[in-house]
Amino acid sequence: MSNDAPVTFLTQDAYDRLATELEQLSTTGREEIAKRIEAAREEGDLKENGGYHAAKDEQGKQEARIRTLQHLLKTATVSEAPQSTGVVESGTVVTAIVAGGEEIFLLGNREIAVGSELDVYSEASPLGSAILGLNEGDKTSYTAPNGREISVEIVKVATYTGQ
């Protein structure tokens, strides 16, 4: 990870919620999966044991979530959303004209906006990286994953208030 990578901020509420989820997955979550795998294993032939394979798949997904949470909690900055100064930064709500249509979204990590109606774009996404650091009124474009060039105009940058 380079030193100029955008910092992911989490509110204290988001951090606490994710830390609780990590604790649950790492302890009782792992125990429950292990018990289900063992119970399915005792049923016999593993080749044709759907319960065993489903439990193993779930275990893989759970371990991936644990790794994601560990990394996020270790690297995120816990603070309040930055006060808007008209500059697009992580944790701000951006109103932009994207490909001719107005969009309002949060720039940051989707974990911040759980329960919110806002769309969330990562700072590392094509749109996020194109607008990070721009000011209200600035125009730019970025190349979408399909190769299409998409125009963007920053209309407004606001402080994220949790809605």
Protein backbone atom coordinates (compact mmCIF):
# COMPACT_ATOMS: atom_id res chain seq x y z
CA MET A 1 0.00 0.00 0.00
CA SER A 2 1.51 3.33 -0.98
CA ASN A 3 1.64 6.38 1.26
CA ASP A 4 -0.48 8.44 -1.14
CA ALA A 5 -3.42 6.02 -1.03
CA PRO A 6 -6.64 7.77 0.00
CA VAL A 7 -7.42 7.41 3.69
CA THR A 8 -10.68 5.65 4.48
CA PHE A 9 -12.46 7.35 7.31
CA LEU A 10 -15.03 5.70 9.53
CA THR A 11 -17.30 7.39 12.00
CA GLN A 12 -17.00 6.11 15.56
CA ASP A 13 -20.43 4.45 15.20
CA ALA A 14 -19.34 2.63 12.02
CA TYR A 15 -16.05 1.58 13.63
CA ASP A 16 -17.82 0.24 16.73
CA ARG A 17 -20.42 -1.62 14.64
CA LEU A 18 -17.72 -3.24 12.49
CA ALA A 19 -15.57 -4.13 15.53
CA THR A 20 -18.60 -5.85 17.09
CA GLU A 21 -19.28 -7.74 13.86
CA LEU A 22 -15.62 -8.82 13.68
CA GLU A 23 -15.69 -10.04 17.27
CA GLN A 24 -18.87 -12.04 16.66
CA LEU A 25 -17.59 -13.60 13.42
CA SER A 26 -14.19 -14.43 14.94
CA THR A 27 -15.64 -16.17 17.98
CA THR A 28 -19.18 -17.56 17.97
CA GLY A 29 -19.43 -17.32 14.17
CA ARG A 30 -16.42 -19.58 13.69
CA GLU A 31 -17.65 -21.98 16.37
CA GLU A 32 -21.08 -22.28 14.73
CA ILE A 33 -19.61 -22.97 11.29
CA ALA A 34 -17.20 -25.57 12.72
CA LYS A 35 -20.11 -27.36 14.42
CA ARG A 36 -22.15 -27.37 11.19
CA ILE A 37 -19.21 -28.72 9.20
CA GLU A 38 -18.60 -31.44 11.78
CA ALA A 39 -22.29 -32.40 11.86
CA ALA A 40 -22.40 -32.61 8.06
CA ARG A 41 -19.13 -34.59 8.00
CA GLU A 42 -20.69 -37.19 10.29
CA GLU A 43 -23.46 -37.75 7.74
CA GLY A 44 -21.03 -39.71 5.58
CA ASP A 45 -19.94 -39.42 1.95
CA LEU A 46 -18.56 -35.89 1.54
CA LYS A 47 -18.68 -35.97 -2.27
CA GLU A 48 -22.46 -35.89 -2.32
CA ASN A 49 -23.07 -34.09 0.96
CA GLY A 50 -24.73 -30.78 0.08
CA GLY A 51 -24.84 -29.62 3.70
CA TYR A 52 -21.10 -30.09 4.06
CA HIS A 53 -20.31 -28.16 0.88
CA ALA A 54 -22.72 -25.36 1.79
CA ALA A 55 -21.15 -25.04 5.24
CA LYS A 56 -17.63 -24.99 3.74
CA ASP A 57 -18.70 -22.29 1.26
CA GLU A 58 -20.19 -20.24 4.08
CA GLN A 59 -16.99 -20.69 6.08
CA GLY A 60 -14.96 -19.30 3.16
CA LYS A 61 -17.23 -16.27 2.85
CA GLN A 62 -17.08 -15.67 6.59
CA GLU A 63 -13.27 -15.86 6.64
CA ALA A 64 -13.12 -13.40 3.73
CA ARG A 65 -15.38 -10.99 5.65
CA ILE A 66 -13.16 -11.36 8.73
CA ARG A 67 -10.06 -10.48 6.68
CA THR A 68 -11.84 -7.49 5.12
CA LEU A 69 -12.97 -6.19 8.52
CA GLN A 70 -9.52 -6.70 10.06
CA HIS A 71 -7.88 -4.71 7.25
CA LEU A 72 -10.50 -1.96 7.31
CA LEU A 73 -10.37 -1.50 11.09
CA LYS A 74 -6.57 -1.54 11.08
CA THR A 75 -6.14 1.03 8.29
CA ALA A 76 -9.13 3.38 8.66
CA THR A 77 -9.05 6.75 10.33
CA VAL A 78 -11.82 7.13 12.91
CA SER A 79 -13.21 10.64 13.01
CA GLU A 80 -16.19 12.72 12.18
CA ALA A 81 -16.89 13.34 8.52
CA PRO A 82 -14.69 16.15 7.23
CA GLN A 83 -16.29 19.58 7.17
CA SER A 84 -16.88 20.52 3.56
CA THR A 85 -14.66 23.21 2.13
CA GLY A 86 -15.98 22.75 -1.40
CA VAL A 87 -13.29 20.16 -2.18
CA VAL A 88 -14.16 16.53 -2.93
CA GLU A 89 -12.57 14.30 -0.29
CA SER A 90 -13.26 11.01 1.41
CA GLY A 91 -16.36 11.31 3.57
CA THR A 92 -18.05 14.13 1.66
CA VAL A 93 -21.41 14.09 -0.10
CA VAL A 94 -21.00 15.06 -3.72
CA THR A 95 -23.63 16.39 -6.08
CA ALA A 96 -22.37 15.98 -9.64
CA ILE A 97 -23.58 15.91 -13.20
CA VAL A 98 -22.39 12.50 -14.38
CA ALA A 99 -22.93 11.65 -18.05
CA GLY A 100 -25.60 14.34 -18.25
CA GLY A 101 -27.60 13.30 -15.18
CA GLU A 102 -27.43 14.64 -11.62
CA GLU A 103 -26.24 12.22 -8.94
CA ILE A 104 -25.82 12.69 -5.21
CA PHE A 105 -23.49 10.23 -3.50
CA LEU A 106 -21.06 9.73 -0.65
CA LEU A 107 -17.40 9.34 -1.54
CA GLY A 108 -15.92 6.79 0.82
CA ASN A 109 -16.50 3.33 2.21
CA ARG A 110 -19.95 1.77 1.98
CA GLU A 111 -19.69 0.72 5.63
CA ILE A 112 -20.13 4.35 6.65
CA ALA A 113 -23.51 4.73 4.99
CA VAL A 114 -25.26 1.59 6.28
CA GLY A 115 -28.93 2.50 6.62
CA SER A 116 -28.58 5.54 4.37
CA GLU A 117 -30.29 6.02 1.03
CA LEU A 118 -27.09 7.48 -0.46
CA ASP A 119 -25.16 5.66 -3.13
CA VAL A 120 -21.51 5.25 -2.17
CA TYR A 121 -18.50 5.36 -4.48
CA SER A 122 -15.08 4.30 -3.33
CA GLU A 123 -12.17 6.70 -3.68
CA ALA A 124 -10.48 3.95 -5.70
CA SER A 125 -13.35 3.59 -8.19
CA PRO A 126 -12.92 5.19 -11.63
CA LEU A 127 -15.37 7.96 -10.69
CA GLY A 128 -13.95 8.41 -7.19
CA SER A 129 -10.34 8.67 -8.31
CA ALA A 130 -11.29 11.10 -11.09
CA ILE A 131 -13.03 13.57 -8.77
CA LEU A 132 -10.96 13.26 -5.59
CA GLY A 133 -9.49 16.70 -4.86
CA LEU A 134 -11.70 18.62 -7.32
CA ASN A 135 -13.53 21.80 -6.33
CA GLU A 136 -17.14 22.79 -6.83
CA GLY A 137 -17.55 23.88 -10.46
CA ASP A 138 -14.64 21.73 -11.73
CA LYS A 139 -15.18 19.47 -14.73
CA THR A 140 -13.36 16.29 -15.65
CA SER A 141 -13.94 12.95 -17.29
CA TYR A 142 -12.98 9.37 -16.60
CA THR A 143 -12.91 6.11 -18.49
CA ALA A 144 -15.56 3.65 -17.37
CA PRO A 145 -14.77 -0.06 -17.14
CA ASN A 146 -16.54 -0.54 -20.49
CA GLY A 147 -14.08 1.91 -22.11
CA ARG A 148 -16.58 4.75 -22.48
CA GLU A 149 -15.43 8.27 -21.59
CA ILE A 150 -17.81 9.82 -19.04
CA SER A 151 -17.99 13.54 -18.28
CA VAL A 152 -18.37 14.79 -14.71
CA GLU A 153 -19.07 18.26 -13.30
CA ILE A 154 -18.90 18.85 -9.56
CA VAL A 155 -21.95 20.89 -8.55
CA LYS A 156 -21.76 20.79 -4.76
CA VAL A 157 -19.66 19.21 -2.00
CA ALA A 158 -21.29 18.88 1.42
CA THR A 159 -20.44 17.49 4.84
CA TYR A 160 -21.78 13.97 5.43
CA THR A 161 -24.28 14.11 8.29
CA GLY A 162 -25.19 10.45 8.47
CA GLN A 163 -28.30 10.48 6.25
